[in-house]
Amino acid sequence: MRQCLEELAGEGKIDLTRFAMLTPMEVADLCGVDESIAENAIRKARQLAGYSPVKVVKRGEKGDVIKTGIAEFDEKTPWGGLQRGKIHLFAGKYGTGKSIMAKQISASALASGYKPVYYIDTETLTTR
């Protein structure tokens, strides 16, 4: 894992902040390791980058829910929206509205008083 990260950093492809925002699946693919190893590496990177840990909420547990502003979406999620403090990934084909949906949800969360809100475009690894 360390060798993989050193190579990526040396090539200028990734820094600590960018690495901390990746998913375990992305790190596993990049470095050819098991997702559990990738998850531990990401957790350590987030600590080093100064990100505060979030409470893990298990499926079915009640947590602080953010309404997305998209009624049909909220109705179909197990919690009636998105859980605060969790990272949510939207996947789909190009042009299907993933970015617009993420921006709408971010705006709705901000309007409801949730701060900070992050929108991360993982296709280019930039934070917006």
C-alpha atoms as a PDB file:
ATOM      1  CA  MET A   1       0.000   0.000   0.000  1.00  0.00           C
ATOM      2  CA  ARG A   2       2.751   2.444   0.989  1.00  0.00           C
ATOM      3  CA  GLN A   3       4.683   1.771  -2.224  1.00  0.00           C
ATOM      4  CA  CYS A   4       1.571   2.384  -4.329  1.00  0.00           C
ATOM      5  CA  LEU A   5       0.884   5.702  -2.598  1.00  0.00           C
ATOM      6  CA  GLU A   6       4.495   6.820  -2.900  1.00  0.00           C
ATOM      7  CA  GLU A   7       4.428   6.068  -6.632  1.00  0.00           C
ATOM      8  CA  LEU A   8       1.154   7.969  -7.127  1.00  0.00           C
ATOM      9  CA  ALA A   9       2.454  10.931  -5.116  1.00  0.00           C
ATOM     10  CA  GLY A  10       5.801  10.878  -6.929  1.00  0.00           C
ATOM     11  CA  GLU A  11       4.040  10.984 -10.293  1.00  0.00           C
ATOM     12  CA  GLY A  12       1.979  13.954  -9.087  1.00  0.00           C
ATOM     13  CA  LYS A  13      -1.267  12.017  -9.554  1.00  0.00           C
ATOM     14  CA  ILE A  14      -2.501  12.313  -5.987  1.00  0.00           C
ATOM     15  CA  ASP A  15      -1.853  14.103  -2.720  1.00  0.00           C
ATOM     16  CA  LEU A  16      -3.028  13.367   0.825  1.00  0.00           C
ATOM     17  CA  THR A  17      -6.196  15.457   0.525  1.00  0.00           C
ATOM     18  CA  ARG A  18      -7.251  13.836  -2.729  1.00  0.00           C
ATOM     19  CA  PHE A  19      -6.437  10.370  -1.432  1.00  0.00           C
ATOM     20  CA  ALA A  20      -8.518  10.967   1.711  1.00  0.00           C
ATOM     21  CA  MET A  21     -11.571  11.678  -0.442  1.00  0.00           C
ATOM     22  CA  LEU A  22     -11.391   8.455  -2.476  1.00  0.00           C
ATOM     23  CA  THR A  23     -13.637   5.477  -1.807  1.00  0.00           C
ATOM     24  CA  PRO A  24     -12.251   2.098  -0.683  1.00  0.00           C
ATOM     25  CA  MET A  25     -13.209   0.654  -4.069  1.00  0.00           C
ATOM     26  CA  GLU A  26     -11.217   3.344  -5.901  1.00  0.00           C
ATOM     27  CA  VAL A  27      -8.138   2.809  -3.714  1.00  0.00           C
ATOM     28  CA  ALA A  28      -8.420  -0.960  -4.074  1.00  0.00           C
ATOM     29  CA  ASP A  29      -8.463  -0.570  -7.873  1.00  0.00           C
ATOM     30  CA  LEU A  30      -5.601   1.951  -7.915  1.00  0.00           C
ATOM     31  CA  CYS A  31      -3.315  -0.049  -5.635  1.00  0.00           C
ATOM     32  CA  GLY A  32      -4.452  -3.622  -6.245  1.00  0.00           C
ATOM     33  CA  VAL A  33      -5.359  -4.310  -2.599  1.00  0.00           C
ATOM     34  CA  ASP A  34      -8.388  -5.639  -0.758  1.00  0.00           C
ATOM     35  CA  GLU A  35     -11.086  -3.055   0.057  1.00  0.00           C
ATOM     36  CA  SER A  36     -10.647  -3.592   3.817  1.00  0.00           C
ATOM     37  CA  ILE A  37      -6.968  -2.613   3.512  1.00  0.00           C
ATOM     38  CA  ALA A  38      -7.953   0.368   1.363  1.00  0.00           C
ATOM     39  CA  GLU A  39     -10.557   1.430   3.944  1.00  0.00           C
ATOM     40  CA  ASN A  40      -7.945   1.423   6.723  1.00  0.00           C
ATOM     41  CA  ALA A  41      -5.551   3.459   4.560  1.00  0.00           C
ATOM     42  CA  ILE A  42      -8.271   6.007   3.803  1.00  0.00           C
ATOM     43  CA  ARG A  43      -9.179   6.265   7.491  1.00  0.00           C
ATOM     44  CA  LYS A  44      -5.534   6.998   8.349  1.00  0.00           C
ATOM     45  CA  ALA A  45      -5.240   9.525   5.504  1.00  0.00           C
ATOM     46  CA  ARG A  46      -8.338  11.340   6.755  1.00  0.00           C
ATOM     47  CA  GLN A  47      -6.842  11.552  10.244  1.00  0.00           C
ATOM     48  CA  LEU A  48      -3.562  12.908   8.836  1.00  0.00           C
ATOM     49  CA  ALA A  49      -5.441  15.411   6.664  1.00  0.00           C
ATOM     50  CA  GLY A  50      -7.353  16.647   9.710  1.00  0.00           C
ATOM     51  CA  TYR A  51     -10.802  15.414   8.745  1.00  0.00           C
ATOM     52  CA  SER A  52     -12.943  14.714  11.763  1.00  0.00           C
ATOM     53  CA  PRO A  53     -14.391  11.208  11.946  1.00  0.00           C
ATOM     54  CA  VAL A  54     -18.088  10.743  11.328  1.00  0.00           C
ATOM     55  CA  LYS A  55     -20.452   8.481  13.207  1.00  0.00           C
ATOM     56  CA  VAL A  56     -21.124   5.283  11.303  1.00  0.00           C
ATOM     57  CA  VAL A  57     -24.846   4.591  11.075  1.00  0.00           C
ATOM     58  CA  LYS A  58     -25.840   1.032  10.269  1.00  0.00           C
ATOM     59  CA  ARG A  59     -28.657   0.227   7.848  1.00  0.00           C
ATOM     60  CA  GLY A  60     -31.984   0.488   9.621  1.00  0.00           C
ATOM     61  CA  GLU A  61     -30.691   2.762  12.401  1.00  0.00           C
ATOM     62  CA  LYS A  62     -32.276   6.172  12.696  1.00  0.00           C
ATOM     63  CA  GLY A  63     -29.886   9.040  12.151  1.00  0.00           C
ATOM     64  CA  ASP A  64     -30.034  12.691  11.233  1.00  0.00           C
ATOM     65  CA  VAL A  65     -31.689  12.736   7.793  1.00  0.00           C
ATOM     66  CA  ILE A  66     -31.242  15.413   5.143  1.00  0.00           C
ATOM     67  CA  LYS A  67     -34.181  15.818   2.797  1.00  0.00           C
ATOM     68  CA  THR A  68     -32.838  16.058  -0.741  1.00  0.00           C
ATOM     69  CA  GLY A  69     -35.580  18.257  -2.149  1.00  0.00           C
ATOM     70  CA  ILE A  70     -36.412  15.439  -4.574  1.00  0.00           C
ATOM     71  CA  ALA A  71     -39.598  13.906  -3.129  1.00  0.00           C
ATOM     72  CA  GLU A  72     -39.554  10.660  -5.133  1.00  0.00           C
ATOM     73  CA  PHE A  73     -35.910  10.030  -4.209  1.00  0.00           C
ATOM     74  CA  ASP A  74     -36.558  10.669  -0.498  1.00  0.00           C
ATOM     75  CA  GLU A  75     -39.554   8.325  -0.524  1.00  0.00           C
ATOM     76  CA  LYS A  76     -37.499   5.474  -1.990  1.00  0.00           C
ATOM     77  CA  THR A  77     -34.504   5.688   0.353  1.00  0.00           C
ATOM     78  CA  PRO A  78     -34.597   3.562   3.524  1.00  0.00           C
ATOM     79  CA  TRP A  79     -34.210   6.626   5.744  1.00  0.00           C
ATOM     80  CA  GLY A  80     -36.407   9.098   3.858  1.00  0.00           C
ATOM     81  CA  GLY A  81     -33.460  11.100   2.522  1.00  0.00           C
ATOM     82  CA  LEU A  82     -29.703  11.009   2.983  1.00  0.00           C
ATOM     83  CA  GLN A  83     -28.029  10.404   6.322  1.00  0.00           C
ATOM     84  CA  ARG A  84     -25.929  13.238   7.660  1.00  0.00           C
ATOM     85  CA  GLY A  85     -22.240  12.450   8.079  1.00  0.00           C
ATOM     86  CA  LYS A  86     -22.185   9.736   5.421  1.00  0.00           C
ATOM     87  CA  ILE A  87     -20.606   9.832   2.011  1.00  0.00           C
ATOM     88  CA  HIS A  88     -23.086   9.181  -0.781  1.00  0.00           C
ATOM     89  CA  LEU A  89     -22.021   8.081  -4.248  1.00  0.00           C
ATOM     90  CA  PHE A  90     -24.171   8.534  -7.330  1.00  0.00           C
ATOM     91  CA  ALA A  91     -23.217   6.373 -10.291  1.00  0.00           C
ATOM     92  CA  GLY A  92     -24.585   6.191 -13.798  1.00  0.00           C
ATOM     93  CA  LYS A  93     -23.867   6.808 -17.439  1.00  0.00           C
ATOM     94  CA  TYR A  94     -22.643  10.136 -18.776  1.00  0.00           C
ATOM     95  CA  GLY A  95     -25.419  12.696 -19.121  1.00  0.00           C
ATOM     96  CA  THR A  96     -27.934  11.031 -16.804  1.00  0.00           C
ATOM     97  CA  GLY A  97     -28.036  13.902 -14.295  1.00  0.00           C
ATOM     98  CA  LYS A  98     -25.747  12.688 -11.491  1.00  0.00           C
ATOM     99  CA  SER A  99     -24.005  16.051 -11.085  1.00  0.00           C
ATOM    100  CA  ILE A 100     -27.226  18.054 -11.251  1.00  0.00           C
ATOM    101  CA  MET A 101     -28.771  15.766  -8.629  1.00  0.00           C
ATOM    102  CA  ALA A 102     -25.715  16.098  -6.359  1.00  0.00           C
ATOM    103  CA  LYS A 103     -25.795  19.878  -6.699  1.00  0.00           C
ATOM    104  CA  GLN A 104     -29.548  19.965  -5.944  1.00  0.00           C
ATOM    105  CA  ILE A 105     -29.026  17.857  -2.832  1.00  0.00           C
ATOM    106  CA  SER A 106     -26.090  20.045  -1.741  1.00  0.00           C
ATOM    107  CA  ALA A 107     -28.181  23.197  -2.150  1.00  0.00           C
ATOM    108  CA  SER A 108     -31.080  21.638  -0.243  1.00  0.00           C
ATOM    109  CA  ALA A 109     -28.781  20.569   2.604  1.00  0.00           C
ATOM    110  CA  LEU A 110     -27.252  24.052   2.835  1.00  0.00           C
ATOM    111  CA  ALA A 111     -30.716  25.650   2.801  1.00  0.00           C
ATOM    112  CA  SER A 112     -31.691  23.345   5.679  1.00  0.00           C
ATOM    113  CA  GLY A 113     -28.717  24.547   7.740  1.00  0.00           C
ATOM    114  CA  TYR A 114     -26.328  21.638   7.254  1.00  0.00           C
ATOM    115  CA  LYS A 115     -22.728  22.848   7.009  1.00  0.00           C
ATOM    116  CA  PRO A 116     -20.281  22.081   5.618  1.00  0.00           C
ATOM    117  CA  VAL A 117     -21.539  20.315   2.502  1.00  0.00           C
ATOM    118  CA  TYR A 118     -19.073  18.849   0.010  1.00  0.00           C
ATOM    119  CA  TYR A 119     -19.696  17.998  -3.628  1.00  0.00           C
ATOM    120  CA  ILE A 120     -16.847  15.914  -5.020  1.00  0.00           C
ATOM    121  CA  ASP A 121     -16.470  15.101  -8.698  1.00  0.00           C
ATOM    122  CA  THR A 122     -14.525  11.823  -8.626  1.00  0.00           C
ATOM    123  CA  GLU A 123     -14.161  11.686 -12.398  1.00  0.00           C
ATOM    124  CA  THR A 124     -11.608  14.496 -12.247  1.00  0.00           C
ATOM    125  CA  LEU A 125     -10.755  14.212  -8.531  1.00  0.00           C
ATOM    126  CA  THR A 126     -11.544  17.862  -7.835  1.00  0.00           C
ATOM    127  CA  THR A 127     -13.609  19.340  -5.026  1.00  0.00           C
ATOM    128  CA  ARG A 128     -16.287  21.831  -5.983  1.00  0.00           C
END
